[in-house]
Amino acid sequence: MNASMNDHQTTILELRRLVARFVAERNWEEFHTPKNLAMSLAIEAAEVMEHFQWSTAEEALAAASDEQKRGEVADELADVLAYLLSLATALQIDLAAALESKMQRNAIKYPRPNQ
């Protein structure tokens, strides 16, 4: 694991640049069309699901305490994130702004239950 990056200090822009640099170093830009990236994103998300297929809710939660399983899921989530970042870059979508806007709409659509 790269100790220089973590969720508390790394920006989305830094992650986007990391993925873009990796892609550029391999001359893969021509293949990173929105269609291909969207398909790859869905495929990688399905690979995350494979780790929990046929698991009970309790078994799925237990993955958090299984170091090997967590590592495998972390690898798949990293693939999902890389494709998500690449797709957002290809479509010039600001992910932070998109998430904030979506959460605001969700708050209206799904108001808090009365307490």
PDB file of N, CA and C in Angstrom:
ATOM      1  N   MET A   1       0.840  -1.177   0.000  1.00  0.00           N
ATOM      2  CA  MET A   1       0.000   0.000   0.000  1.00  0.00           C
ATOM      3  C   MET A   1       0.885   1.239   0.000  1.00  0.00           C
ATOM      4  N   ASN A   2       0.506   2.231  -0.775  1.00  0.00           N
ATOM      5  CA  ASN A   2       1.249   3.471  -0.851  1.00  0.00           C
ATOM      6  C   ASN A   2       0.944   4.299   0.392  1.00  0.00           C
ATOM      7  N   ALA A   3       1.902   4.386   1.295  1.00  0.00           N
ATOM      8  CA  ALA A   3       1.682   5.069   2.561  1.00  0.00           C
ATOM      9  C   ALA A   3       1.523   6.571   2.395  1.00  0.00           C
ATOM     10  N   SER A   4       1.845   7.111   1.242  1.00  0.00           N
ATOM     11  CA  SER A   4       1.740   8.558   1.064  1.00  0.00           C
ATOM     12  C   SER A   4       0.320   9.011   0.728  1.00  0.00           C
ATOM     13  N   MET A   5      -0.569   8.096   0.446  1.00  0.00           N
ATOM     14  CA  MET A   5      -1.952   8.459   0.131  1.00  0.00           C
ATOM     15  C   MET A   5      -2.891   7.831   1.145  1.00  0.00           C
ATOM     16  N   ASN A   6      -3.866   8.617   1.590  1.00  0.00           N
ATOM     17  CA  ASN A   6      -4.925   8.097   2.449  1.00  0.00           C
ATOM     18  C   ASN A   6      -6.160   8.963   2.282  1.00  0.00           C
ATOM     19  N   ASP A   7      -7.288   8.453   2.715  1.00  0.00           N
ATOM     20  CA  ASP A   7      -8.560   9.148   2.532  1.00  0.00           C
ATOM     21  C   ASP A   7      -8.619  10.503   3.240  1.00  0.00           C
ATOM     22  N   HIS A   8      -7.831  10.673   4.285  1.00  0.00           N
ATOM     23  CA  HIS A   8      -7.889  11.911   5.053  1.00  0.00           C
ATOM     24  C   HIS A   8      -7.117  13.054   4.409  1.00  0.00           C
ATOM     25  N   GLN A   9      -6.162  12.726   3.543  1.00  0.00           N
ATOM     26  CA  GLN A   9      -5.300  13.768   2.991  1.00  0.00           C
ATOM     27  C   GLN A   9      -5.287  13.851   1.471  1.00  0.00           C
ATOM     28  N   THR A  10      -5.738  12.821   0.785  1.00  0.00           N
ATOM     29  CA  THR A  10      -5.628  12.772  -0.669  1.00  0.00           C
ATOM     30  C   THR A  10      -6.895  13.346  -1.300  1.00  0.00           C
ATOM     31  N   THR A  11      -6.705  14.242  -2.244  1.00  0.00           N
ATOM     32  CA  THR A  11      -7.861  14.842  -2.917  1.00  0.00           C
ATOM     33  C   THR A  11      -8.309  13.981  -4.095  1.00  0.00           C
ATOM     34  N   ILE A  12      -9.512  14.223  -4.535  1.00  0.00           N
ATOM     35  CA  ILE A  12     -10.015  13.539  -5.730  1.00  0.00           C
ATOM     36  C   ILE A  12      -9.140  13.905  -6.929  1.00  0.00           C
ATOM     37  N   LEU A  13      -8.720  15.146  -7.006  1.00  0.00           N
ATOM     38  CA  LEU A  13      -7.856  15.574  -8.109  1.00  0.00           C
ATOM     39  C   LEU A  13      -6.547  14.788  -8.120  1.00  0.00           C
ATOM     40  N   GLU A  14      -5.971  14.550  -6.964  1.00  0.00           N
ATOM     41  CA  GLU A  14      -4.738  13.759  -6.903  1.00  0.00           C
ATOM     42  C   GLU A  14      -4.973  12.330  -7.389  1.00  0.00           C
ATOM     43  N   LEU A  15      -6.112  11.759  -7.024  1.00  0.00           N
ATOM     44  CA  LEU A  15      -6.444  10.413  -7.488  1.00  0.00           C
ATOM     45  C   LEU A  15      -6.650  10.396  -8.995  1.00  0.00           C
ATOM     46  N   ARG A  16      -7.338  11.406  -9.511  1.00  0.00           N
ATOM     47  CA  ARG A  16      -7.555  11.492 -10.955  1.00  0.00           C
ATOM     48  C   ARG A  16      -6.222  11.568 -11.696  1.00  0.00           C
ATOM     49  N   ARG A  17      -5.309  12.361 -11.165  1.00  0.00           N
ATOM     50  CA  ARG A  17      -3.994  12.502 -11.798  1.00  0.00           C
ATOM     51  C   ARG A  17      -3.201  11.202 -11.733  1.00  0.00           C
ATOM     52  N   LEU A  18      -3.301  10.489 -10.627  1.00  0.00           N
ATOM     53  CA  LEU A  18      -2.616   9.203 -10.478  1.00  0.00           C
ATOM     54  C   LEU A  18      -3.080   8.220 -11.551  1.00  0.00           C
ATOM     55  N   VAL A  19      -4.392   8.127 -11.733  1.00  0.00           N
ATOM     56  CA  VAL A  19      -4.951   7.207 -12.731  1.00  0.00           C
ATOM     57  C   VAL A  19      -4.602   7.683 -14.136  1.00  0.00           C
ATOM     58  N   ALA A  20      -4.735   8.968 -14.394  1.00  0.00           N
ATOM     59  CA  ALA A  20      -4.428   9.502 -15.727  1.00  0.00           C
ATOM     60  C   ALA A  20      -2.966   9.263 -16.104  1.00  0.00           C
ATOM     61  N   ARG A  21      -2.079   9.435 -15.143  1.00  0.00           N
ATOM     62  CA  ARG A  21      -0.656   9.191 -15.395  1.00  0.00           C
ATOM     63  C   ARG A  21      -0.412   7.723 -15.735  1.00  0.00           C
ATOM     64  N   PHE A  22      -1.040   6.821 -14.983  1.00  0.00           N
ATOM     65  CA  PHE A  22      -0.907   5.389 -15.232  1.00  0.00           C
ATOM     66  C   PHE A  22      -1.381   5.047 -16.647  1.00  0.00           C
ATOM     67  N   VAL A  23      -2.534   5.591 -17.033  1.00  0.00           N
ATOM     68  CA  VAL A  23      -3.102   5.340 -18.361  1.00  0.00           C
ATOM     69  C   VAL A  23      -2.189   5.913 -19.446  1.00  0.00           C
ATOM     70  N   ALA A  24      -1.719   7.136 -19.252  1.00  0.00           N
ATOM     71  CA  ALA A  24      -0.868   7.790 -20.249  1.00  0.00           C
ATOM     72  C   ALA A  24       0.453   7.054 -20.441  1.00  0.00           C
ATOM     73  N   GLU A  25       1.022   6.567 -19.346  1.00  0.00           N
ATOM     74  CA  GLU A  25       2.302   5.850 -19.437  1.00  0.00           C
ATOM     75  C   GLU A  25       2.189   4.571 -20.259  1.00  0.00           C
ATOM     76  N   ARG A  26       0.977   4.072 -20.417  1.00  0.00           N
ATOM     77  CA  ARG A  26       0.758   2.843 -21.180  1.00  0.00           C
ATOM     78  C   ARG A  26       0.100   3.112 -22.540  1.00  0.00           C
ATOM     79  N   ASN A  27      -0.103   4.387 -22.851  1.00  0.00           N
ATOM     80  CA  ASN A  27      -0.735   4.791 -24.106  1.00  0.00           C
ATOM     81  C   ASN A  27      -2.106   4.152 -24.295  1.00  0.00           C
ATOM     82  N   TRP A  28      -2.885   4.147 -23.237  1.00  0.00           N
ATOM     83  CA  TRP A  28      -4.217   3.540 -23.281  1.00  0.00           C
ATOM     84  C   TRP A  28      -5.329   4.552 -23.535  1.00  0.00           C
ATOM     85  N   GLU A  29      -5.013   5.827 -23.702  1.00  0.00           N
ATOM     86  CA  GLU A  29      -6.056   6.852 -23.821  1.00  0.00           C
ATOM     87  C   GLU A  29      -7.069   6.545 -24.918  1.00  0.00           C
ATOM     88  N   GLU A  30      -6.608   6.007 -26.045  1.00  0.00           N
ATOM     89  CA  GLU A  30      -7.529   5.734 -27.155  1.00  0.00           C
ATOM     90  C   GLU A  30      -8.611   4.727 -26.782  1.00  0.00           C
ATOM     91  N   PHE A  31      -8.337   3.892 -25.801  1.00  0.00           N
ATOM     92  CA  PHE A  31      -9.299   2.878 -25.380  1.00  0.00           C
ATOM     93  C   PHE A  31     -10.229   3.376 -24.276  1.00  0.00           C
ATOM     94  N   HIS A  32      -9.881   4.510 -23.676  1.00  0.00           N
ATOM     95  CA  HIS A  32     -10.648   5.022 -22.541  1.00  0.00           C
ATOM     96  C   HIS A  32     -11.771   5.953 -22.995  1.00  0.00           C
ATOM     97  N   THR A  33     -12.648   5.397 -23.801  1.00  0.00           N
ATOM     98  CA  THR A  33     -13.831   6.130 -24.238  1.00  0.00           C
ATOM     99  C   THR A  33     -14.906   5.988 -23.154  1.00  0.00           C
ATOM    100  N   PRO A  34     -15.872   6.898 -23.107  1.00  0.00           N
ATOM    101  CA  PRO A  34     -16.928   6.769 -22.105  1.00  0.00           C
ATOM    102  C   PRO A  34     -17.621   5.401 -22.139  1.00  0.00           C
ATOM    103  N   LYS A  35     -17.876   4.869 -23.325  1.00  0.00           N
ATOM    104  CA  LYS A  35     -18.524   3.559 -23.418  1.00  0.00           C
ATOM    105  C   LYS A  35     -17.662   2.476 -22.784  1.00  0.00           C
ATOM    106  N   ASN A  36     -16.400   2.420 -23.153  1.00  0.00           N
ATOM    107  CA  ASN A  36     -15.514   1.398 -22.604  1.00  0.00           C
ATOM    108  C   ASN A  36     -15.328   1.550 -21.105  1.00  0.00           C
ATOM    109  N   LEU A  37     -15.205   2.785 -20.651  1.00  0.00           N
ATOM    110  CA  LEU A  37     -15.018   3.027 -19.218  1.00  0.00           C
ATOM    111  C   LEU A  37     -16.264   2.661 -18.423  1.00  0.00           C
ATOM    112  N   ALA A  38     -17.437   2.980 -18.959  1.00  0.00           N
ATOM    113  CA  ALA A  38     -18.684   2.620 -18.267  1.00  0.00           C
ATOM    114  C   ALA A  38     -18.825   1.102 -18.181  1.00  0.00           C
ATOM    115  N   MET A  39     -18.499   0.415 -19.258  1.00  0.00           N
ATOM    116  CA  MET A  39     -18.573  -1.049 -19.242  1.00  0.00           C
ATOM    117  C   MET A  39     -17.571  -1.621 -18.241  1.00  0.00           C
ATOM    118  N   SER A  40     -16.370  -1.088 -18.234  1.00  0.00           N
ATOM    119  CA  SER A  40     -15.346  -1.568 -17.309  1.00  0.00           C
ATOM    120  C   SER A  40     -15.732  -1.298 -15.862  1.00  0.00           C
ATOM    121  N   LEU A  41     -16.331  -0.161 -15.618  1.00  0.00           N
ATOM    122  CA  LEU A  41     -16.815   0.171 -14.277  1.00  0.00           C
ATOM    123  C   LEU A  41     -17.839  -0.856 -13.805  1.00  0.00           C
ATOM    124  N   ALA A  42     -18.787  -1.200 -14.665  1.00  0.00           N
ATOM    125  CA  ALA A  42     -19.815  -2.183 -14.311  1.00  0.00           C
ATOM    126  C   ALA A  42     -19.202  -3.569 -14.084  1.00  0.00           C
ATOM    127  N   ILE A  43     -18.246  -3.927 -14.900  1.00  0.00           N
ATOM    128  CA  ILE A  43     -17.586  -5.232 -14.767  1.00  0.00           C
ATOM    129  C   ILE A  43     -16.848  -5.309 -13.435  1.00  0.00           C
ATOM    130  N   GLU A  44     -16.119  -4.264 -13.098  1.00  0.00           N
ATOM    131  CA  GLU A  44     -15.385  -4.262 -11.829  1.00  0.00           C
ATOM    132  C   GLU A  44     -16.337  -4.252 -10.637  1.00  0.00           C
ATOM    133  N   ALA A  45     -17.460  -3.544 -10.746  1.00  0.00           N
ATOM    134  CA  ALA A  45     -18.447  -3.558  -9.662  1.00  0.00           C
ATOM    135  C   ALA A  45     -18.998  -4.970  -9.474  1.00  0.00           C
ATOM    136  N   ALA A  46     -19.190  -5.683 -10.571  1.00  0.00           N
ATOM    137  CA  ALA A  46     -19.646  -7.074 -10.477  1.00  0.00           C
ATOM    138  C   ALA A  46     -18.603  -7.941  -9.785  1.00  0.00           C
ATOM    139  N   GLU A  47     -17.332  -7.629  -9.978  1.00  0.00           N
ATOM    140  CA  GLU A  47     -16.281  -8.393  -9.311  1.00  0.00           C
ATOM    141  C   GLU A  47     -16.299  -8.146  -7.804  1.00  0.00           C
ATOM    142  N   VAL A  48     -16.715  -6.971  -7.382  1.00  0.00           N
ATOM    143  CA  VAL A  48     -16.909  -6.719  -5.949  1.00  0.00           C
ATOM    144  C   VAL A  48     -18.034  -7.617  -5.440  1.00  0.00           C
ATOM    145  N   MET A  49     -19.122  -7.682  -6.186  1.00  0.00           N
ATOM    146  CA  MET A  49     -20.271  -8.498  -5.779  1.00  0.00           C
ATOM    147  C   MET A  49     -19.914  -9.968  -5.655  1.00  0.00           C
ATOM    148  N   GLU A  50     -19.016 -10.441  -6.498  1.00  0.00           N
ATOM    149  CA  GLU A  50     -18.614 -11.857  -6.440  1.00  0.00           C
ATOM    150  C   GLU A  50     -18.103 -12.259  -5.060  1.00  0.00           C
ATOM    151  N   HIS A  51     -17.470 -11.325  -4.378  1.00  0.00           N
ATOM    152  CA  HIS A  51     -16.922 -11.641  -3.052  1.00  0.00           C
ATOM    153  C   HIS A  51     -18.010 -11.889  -2.012  1.00  0.00           C
ATOM    154  N   PHE A  52     -19.218 -11.440  -2.295  1.00  0.00           N
ATOM    155  CA  PHE A  52     -20.303 -11.569  -1.329  1.00  0.00           C
ATOM    156  C   PHE A  52     -21.449 -12.449  -1.829  1.00  0.00           C
ATOM    157  N   GLN A  53     -21.314 -12.930  -3.055  1.00  0.00           N
ATOM    158  CA  GLN A  53     -22.348 -13.790  -3.618  1.00  0.00           C
ATOM    159  C   GLN A  53     -22.522 -15.012  -2.732  1.00  0.00           C
ATOM    160  N   TRP A  54     -23.741 -15.327  -2.439  1.00  0.00           N
ATOM    161  CA  TRP A  54     -24.137 -16.476  -1.634  1.00  0.00           C
ATOM    162  C   TRP A  54     -23.796 -16.311  -0.148  1.00  0.00           C
ATOM    163  N   SER A  55     -23.334 -15.150   0.265  1.00  0.00           N
ATOM    164  CA  SER A  55     -23.030 -14.908   1.672  1.00  0.00           C
ATOM    165  C   SER A  55     -24.277 -14.419   2.391  1.00  0.00           C
ATOM    166  N   THR A  56     -24.366 -14.773   3.648  1.00  0.00           N
ATOM    167  CA  THR A  56     -25.399 -14.178   4.484  1.00  0.00           C
ATOM    168  C   THR A  56     -24.944 -12.765   4.844  1.00  0.00           C
ATOM    169  N   ALA A  57     -25.839 -11.982   5.389  1.00  0.00           N
ATOM    170  CA  ALA A  57     -25.466 -10.633   5.819  1.00  0.00           C
ATOM    171  C   ALA A  57     -24.350 -10.700   6.858  1.00  0.00           C
ATOM    172  N   GLU A  58     -24.435 -11.648   7.750  1.00  0.00           N
ATOM    173  CA  GLU A  58     -23.417 -11.796   8.790  1.00  0.00           C
ATOM    174  C   GLU A  58     -22.062 -12.182   8.194  1.00  0.00           C
ATOM    175  N   GLU A  59     -22.071 -13.094   7.238  1.00  0.00           N
ATOM    176  CA  GLU A  59     -20.819 -13.499   6.584  1.00  0.00           C
ATOM    177  C   GLU A  59     -20.197 -12.326   5.825  1.00  0.00           C
ATOM    178  N   ALA A  60     -21.022 -11.547   5.182  1.00  0.00           N
ATOM    179  CA  ALA A  60     -20.521 -10.388   4.442  1.00  0.00           C
ATOM    180  C   ALA A  60     -19.885  -9.378   5.393  1.00  0.00           C
ATOM    181  N   LEU A  61     -20.517  -9.141   6.532  1.00  0.00           N
ATOM    182  CA  LEU A  61     -19.952  -8.219   7.516  1.00  0.00           C
ATOM    183  C   LEU A  61     -18.643  -8.743   8.097  1.00  0.00           C
ATOM    184  N   ALA A  62     -18.526 -10.058   8.194  1.00  0.00           N
ATOM    185  CA  ALA A  62     -17.315 -10.667   8.744  1.00  0.00           C
ATOM    186  C   ALA A  62     -16.101 -10.419   7.858  1.00  0.00           C
ATOM    187  N   ALA A  63     -16.315 -10.063   6.615  1.00  0.00           N
ATOM    188  CA  ALA A  63     -15.192  -9.785   5.709  1.00  0.00           C
ATOM    189  C   ALA A  63     -14.317  -8.658   6.249  1.00  0.00           C
ATOM    190  N   ALA A  64     -14.899  -7.767   7.033  1.00  0.00           N
ATOM    191  CA  ALA A  64     -14.129  -6.648   7.587  1.00  0.00           C
ATOM    192  C   ALA A  64     -13.026  -7.120   8.522  1.00  0.00           C
ATOM    193  N   SER A  65     -13.215  -8.262   9.148  1.00  0.00           N
ATOM    194  CA  SER A  65     -12.199  -8.758  10.085  1.00  0.00           C
ATOM    195  C   SER A  65     -11.314  -9.846   9.474  1.00  0.00           C
ATOM    196  N   ASP A  66     -11.513 -10.155   8.208  1.00  0.00           N
ATOM    197  CA  ASP A  66     -10.688 -11.146   7.503  1.00  0.00           C
ATOM    198  C   ASP A  66      -9.709 -10.381   6.614  1.00  0.00           C
ATOM    199  N   GLU A  67      -8.445 -10.344   7.020  1.00  0.00           N
ATOM    200  CA  GLU A  67      -7.456  -9.527   6.322  1.00  0.00           C
ATOM    201  C   GLU A  67      -7.333  -9.878   4.840  1.00  0.00           C
ATOM    202  N   GLN A  68      -7.341 -11.152   4.504  1.00  0.00           N
ATOM    203  CA  GLN A  68      -7.218 -11.555   3.100  1.00  0.00           C
ATOM    204  C   GLN A  68      -8.442 -11.110   2.304  1.00  0.00           C
ATOM    205  N   LYS A  69      -9.622 -11.347   2.841  1.00  0.00           N
ATOM    206  CA  LYS A  69     -10.859 -10.960   2.150  1.00  0.00           C
ATOM    207  C   LYS A  69     -10.924  -9.445   1.982  1.00  0.00           C
ATOM    208  N   ARG A  70     -10.580  -8.711   3.026  1.00  0.00           N
ATOM    209  CA  ARG A  70     -10.575  -7.247   2.923  1.00  0.00           C
ATOM    210  C   ARG A  70      -9.619  -6.778   1.853  1.00  0.00           C
ATOM    211  N   GLY A  71      -8.451  -7.402   1.766  1.00  0.00           N
ATOM    212  CA  GLY A  71      -7.480  -7.037   0.738  1.00  0.00           C
ATOM    213  C   GLY A  71      -7.998  -7.296  -0.662  1.00  0.00           C
ATOM    214  N   GLU A  72      -8.670  -8.435  -0.836  1.00  0.00           N
ATOM    215  CA  GLU A  72      -9.238  -8.763  -2.146  1.00  0.00           C
ATOM    216  C   GLU A  72     -10.328  -7.769  -2.531  1.00  0.00           C
ATOM    217  N   VAL A  73     -11.192  -7.435  -1.578  1.00  0.00           N
ATOM    218  CA  VAL A  73     -12.262  -6.474  -1.846  1.00  0.00           C
ATOM    219  C   VAL A  73     -11.664  -5.089  -2.090  1.00  0.00           C
ATOM    220  N   ALA A  74     -10.629  -4.731  -1.329  1.00  0.00           N
ATOM    221  CA  ALA A  74      -9.968  -3.435  -1.531  1.00  0.00           C
ATOM    222  C   ALA A  74      -9.411  -3.318  -2.952  1.00  0.00           C
ATOM    223  N   ASP A  75      -8.823  -4.391  -3.459  1.00  0.00           N
ATOM    224  CA  ASP A  75      -8.309  -4.380  -4.835  1.00  0.00           C
ATOM    225  C   ASP A  75      -9.429  -4.135  -5.838  1.00  0.00           C
ATOM    226  N   GLU A  76     -10.559  -4.791  -5.631  1.00  0.00           N
ATOM    227  CA  GLU A  76     -11.689  -4.608  -6.561  1.00  0.00           C
ATOM    228  C   GLU A  76     -12.265  -3.193  -6.442  1.00  0.00           C
ATOM    229  N   LEU A  77     -12.361  -2.677  -5.222  1.00  0.00           N
ATOM    230  CA  LEU A  77     -12.857  -1.314  -5.046  1.00  0.00           C
ATOM    231  C   LEU A  77     -11.913  -0.304  -5.688  1.00  0.00           C
ATOM    232  N   ALA A  78     -10.616  -0.574  -5.628  1.00  0.00           N
ATOM    233  CA  ALA A  78      -9.648   0.305  -6.291  1.00  0.00           C
ATOM    234  C   ALA A  78      -9.859   0.297  -7.801  1.00  0.00           C
ATOM    235  N   ASP A  79     -10.152  -0.882  -8.369  1.00  0.00           N
ATOM    236  CA  ASP A  79     -10.453  -0.953  -9.803  1.00  0.00           C
ATOM    237  C   ASP A  79     -11.705  -0.145 -10.133  1.00  0.00           C
ATOM    238  N   VAL A  80     -12.737  -0.274  -9.307  1.00  0.00           N
ATOM    239  CA  VAL A  80     -13.971   0.490  -9.516  1.00  0.00           C
ATOM    240  C   VAL A  80     -13.664   1.984  -9.472  1.00  0.00           C
ATOM    241  N   LEU A  81     -12.906   2.394  -8.464  1.00  0.00           N
ATOM    242  CA  LEU A  81     -12.569   3.808  -8.320  1.00  0.00           C
ATOM    243  C   LEU A  81     -11.761   4.319  -9.504  1.00  0.00           C
ATOM    244  N   ALA A  82     -10.804   3.531  -9.955  1.00  0.00           N
ATOM    245  CA  ALA A  82      -9.984   3.959 -11.094  1.00  0.00           C
ATOM    246  C   ALA A  82     -10.839   4.179 -12.334  1.00  0.00           C
ATOM    247  N   TYR A  83     -11.762   3.273 -12.601  1.00  0.00           N
ATOM    248  CA  TYR A  83     -12.636   3.449 -13.766  1.00  0.00           C
ATOM    249  C   TYR A  83     -13.616   4.592 -13.567  1.00  0.00           C
ATOM    250  N   LEU A  84     -14.109   4.765 -12.356  1.00  0.00           N
ATOM    251  CA  LEU A  84     -15.005   5.888 -12.067  1.00  0.00           C
ATOM    252  C   LEU A  84     -14.286   7.213 -12.303  1.00  0.00           C
ATOM    253  N   LEU A  85     -13.078   7.321 -11.792  1.00  0.00           N
ATOM    254  CA  LEU A  85     -12.303   8.546 -11.988  1.00  0.00           C
ATOM    255  C   LEU A  85     -12.002   8.782 -13.465  1.00  0.00           C
ATOM    256  N   SER A  86     -11.656   7.729 -14.182  1.00  0.00           N
ATOM    257  CA  SER A  86     -11.373   7.862 -15.618  1.00  0.00           C
ATOM    258  C   SER A  86     -12.611   8.289 -16.387  1.00  0.00           C
ATOM    259  N   LEU A  87     -13.761   7.726 -16.045  1.00  0.00           N
ATOM    260  CA  LEU A  87     -15.010   8.096 -16.719  1.00  0.00           C
ATOM    261  C   LEU A  87     -15.369   9.547 -16.424  1.00  0.00           C
ATOM    262  N   ALA A  88     -15.222   9.948 -15.173  1.00  0.00           N
ATOM    263  CA  ALA A  88     -15.508  11.348 -14.819  1.00  0.00           C
ATOM    264  C   ALA A  88     -14.573  12.289 -15.569  1.00  0.00           C
ATOM    265  N   THR A  89     -13.327  11.906 -15.701  1.00  0.00           N
ATOM    266  CA  THR A  89     -12.366  12.728 -16.444  1.00  0.00           C
ATOM    267  C   THR A  89     -12.758  12.801 -17.919  1.00  0.00           C
ATOM    268  N   ALA A  90     -13.090  11.658 -18.505  1.00  0.00           N
ATOM    269  CA  ALA A  90     -13.466  11.628 -19.922  1.00  0.00           C
ATOM    270  C   ALA A  90     -14.690  12.488 -20.210  1.00  0.00           C
ATOM    271  N   LEU A  91     -15.614  12.542 -19.255  1.00  0.00           N
ATOM    272  CA  LEU A  91     -16.853  13.303 -19.447  1.00  0.00           C
ATOM    273  C   LEU A  91     -16.805  14.685 -18.807  1.00  0.00           C
ATOM    274  N   GLN A  92     -15.659  15.036 -18.240  1.00  0.00           N
ATOM    275  CA  GLN A  92     -15.463  16.330 -17.585  1.00  0.00           C
ATOM    276  C   GLN A  92     -16.519  16.573 -16.506  1.00  0.00           C
ATOM    277  N   ILE A  93     -16.692  15.575 -15.636  1.00  0.00           N
ATOM    278  CA  ILE A  93     -17.646  15.666 -14.537  1.00  0.00           C
ATOM    279  C   ILE A  93     -16.875  15.903 -13.247  1.00  0.00           C
ATOM    280  N   ASP A  94     -17.263  16.914 -12.519  1.00  0.00           N
ATOM    281  CA  ASP A  94     -16.688  17.208 -11.207  1.00  0.00           C
ATOM    282  C   ASP A  94     -17.399  16.306 -10.208  1.00  0.00           C
ATOM    283  N   LEU A  95     -16.711  15.288  -9.728  1.00  0.00           N
ATOM    284  CA  LEU A  95     -17.346  14.286  -8.868  1.00  0.00           C
ATOM    285  C   LEU A  95     -17.810  14.860  -7.539  1.00  0.00           C
ATOM    286  N   ALA A  96     -17.039  15.743  -6.940  1.00  0.00           N
ATOM    287  CA  ALA A  96     -17.453  16.324  -5.658  1.00  0.00           C
ATOM    288  C   ALA A  96     -18.744  17.120  -5.825  1.00  0.00           C
ATOM    289  N   ALA A  97     -18.807  17.919  -6.874  1.00  0.00           N
ATOM    290  CA  ALA A  97     -20.014  18.709  -7.129  1.00  0.00           C
ATOM    291  C   ALA A  97     -21.194  17.802  -7.472  1.00  0.00           C
ATOM    292  N   ALA A  98     -20.941  16.763  -8.240  1.00  0.00           N
ATOM    293  CA  ALA A  98     -22.009  15.834  -8.617  1.00  0.00           C
ATOM    294  C   ALA A  98     -22.570  15.123  -7.388  1.00  0.00           C
ATOM    295  N   LEU A  99     -21.681  14.683  -6.489  1.00  0.00           N
ATOM    296  CA  LEU A  99     -22.137  13.992  -5.283  1.00  0.00           C
ATOM    297  C   LEU A  99     -22.907  14.937  -4.371  1.00  0.00           C
ATOM    298  N   GLU A 100     -22.400  16.133  -4.187  1.00  0.00           N
ATOM    299  CA  GLU A 100     -23.101  17.095  -3.339  1.00  0.00           C
ATOM    300  C   GLU A 100     -24.504  17.383  -3.876  1.00  0.00           C
ATOM    301  N   SER A 101     -24.607  17.605  -5.173  1.00  0.00           N
ATOM    302  CA  SER A 101     -25.898  17.880  -5.803  1.00  0.00           C
ATOM    303  C   SER A 101     -26.844  16.692  -5.655  1.00  0.00           C
ATOM    304  N   LYS A 102     -26.334  15.497  -5.879  1.00  0.00           N
ATOM    305  CA  LYS A 102     -27.157  14.287  -5.772  1.00  0.00           C
ATOM    306  C   LYS A 102     -27.633  14.076  -4.334  1.00  0.00           C
ATOM    307  N   MET A 103     -26.765  14.312  -3.358  1.00  0.00           N
ATOM    308  CA  MET A 103     -27.158  14.137  -1.964  1.00  0.00           C
ATOM    309  C   MET A 103     -28.227  15.156  -1.558  1.00  0.00           C
ATOM    310  N   GLN A 104     -28.144  16.364  -2.101  1.00  0.00           N
ATOM    311  CA  GLN A 104     -29.172  17.368  -1.833  1.00  0.00           C
ATOM    312  C   GLN A 104     -30.519  16.920  -2.401  1.00  0.00           C
ATOM    313  N   ARG A 105     -30.499  16.377  -3.633  1.00  0.00           N
ATOM    314  CA  ARG A 105     -31.744  15.875  -4.224  1.00  0.00           C
ATOM    315  C   ARG A 105     -32.263  14.662  -3.454  1.00  0.00           C
ATOM    316  N   ASN A 106     -31.339  13.793  -3.002  1.00  0.00           N
ATOM    317  CA  ASN A 106     -31.741  12.628  -2.219  1.00  0.00           C
ATOM    318  C   ASN A 106     -32.381  13.034  -0.894  1.00  0.00           C
ATOM    319  N   ALA A 107     -31.872  14.103  -0.279  1.00  0.00           N
ATOM    320  CA  ALA A 107     -32.437  14.562   1.000  1.00  0.00           C
ATOM    321  C   ALA A 107     -33.884  15.003   0.827  1.00  0.00           C
ATOM    322  N   ILE A 108     -34.211  15.559  -0.323  1.00  0.00           N
ATOM    323  CA  ILE A 108     -35.593  15.947  -0.603  1.00  0.00           C
ATOM    324  C   ILE A 108     -36.433  14.714  -0.908  1.00  0.00           C
ATOM    325  N   LYS A 109     -35.887  13.822  -1.689  1.00  0.00           N
ATOM    326  CA  LYS A 109     -36.600  12.607  -2.095  1.00  0.00           C
ATOM    327  C   LYS A 109     -36.801  11.655  -0.918  1.00  0.00           C
ATOM    328  N   TYR A 110     -35.819  11.595  -0.039  1.00  0.00           N
ATOM    329  CA  TYR A 110     -35.859  10.677   1.103  1.00  0.00           C
ATOM    330  C   TYR A 110     -35.655  11.479   2.393  1.00  0.00           C
ATOM    331  N   PRO A 111     -36.684  12.192   2.844  1.00  0.00           N
ATOM    332  CA  PRO A 111     -36.508  13.021   4.049  1.00  0.00           C
ATOM    333  C   PRO A 111     -36.257  12.143   5.278  1.00  0.00           C
ATOM    334  N   ARG A 112     -35.651  12.768   6.277  1.00  0.00           N
ATOM    335  CA  ARG A 112     -35.404  12.062   7.542  1.00  0.00           C
ATOM    336  C   ARG A 112     -36.726  11.652   8.167  1.00  0.00           C
ATOM    337  N   PRO A 113     -36.747  10.485   8.776  1.00  0.00           N
ATOM    338  CA  PRO A 113     -37.976  10.081   9.473  1.00  0.00           C
ATOM    339  C   PRO A 113     -38.165  10.963  10.708  1.00  0.00           C
ATOM    340  N   ASN A 114     -39.394  11.175  11.083  1.00  0.00           N
ATOM    341  CA  ASN A 114     -39.677  11.963  12.284  1.00  0.00           C
ATOM    342  C   ASN A 114     -39.090  11.262  13.496  1.00  0.00           C
ATOM    343  N   GLN A 115     -38.489  12.057  14.344  1.00  0.00           N
ATOM    344  CA  GLN A 115     -37.865  11.456  15.532  1.00  0.00           C
ATOM    345  C   GLN A 115     -38.581  11.856  16.781  1.00  0.00           C
TER     346      GLN A 115
END
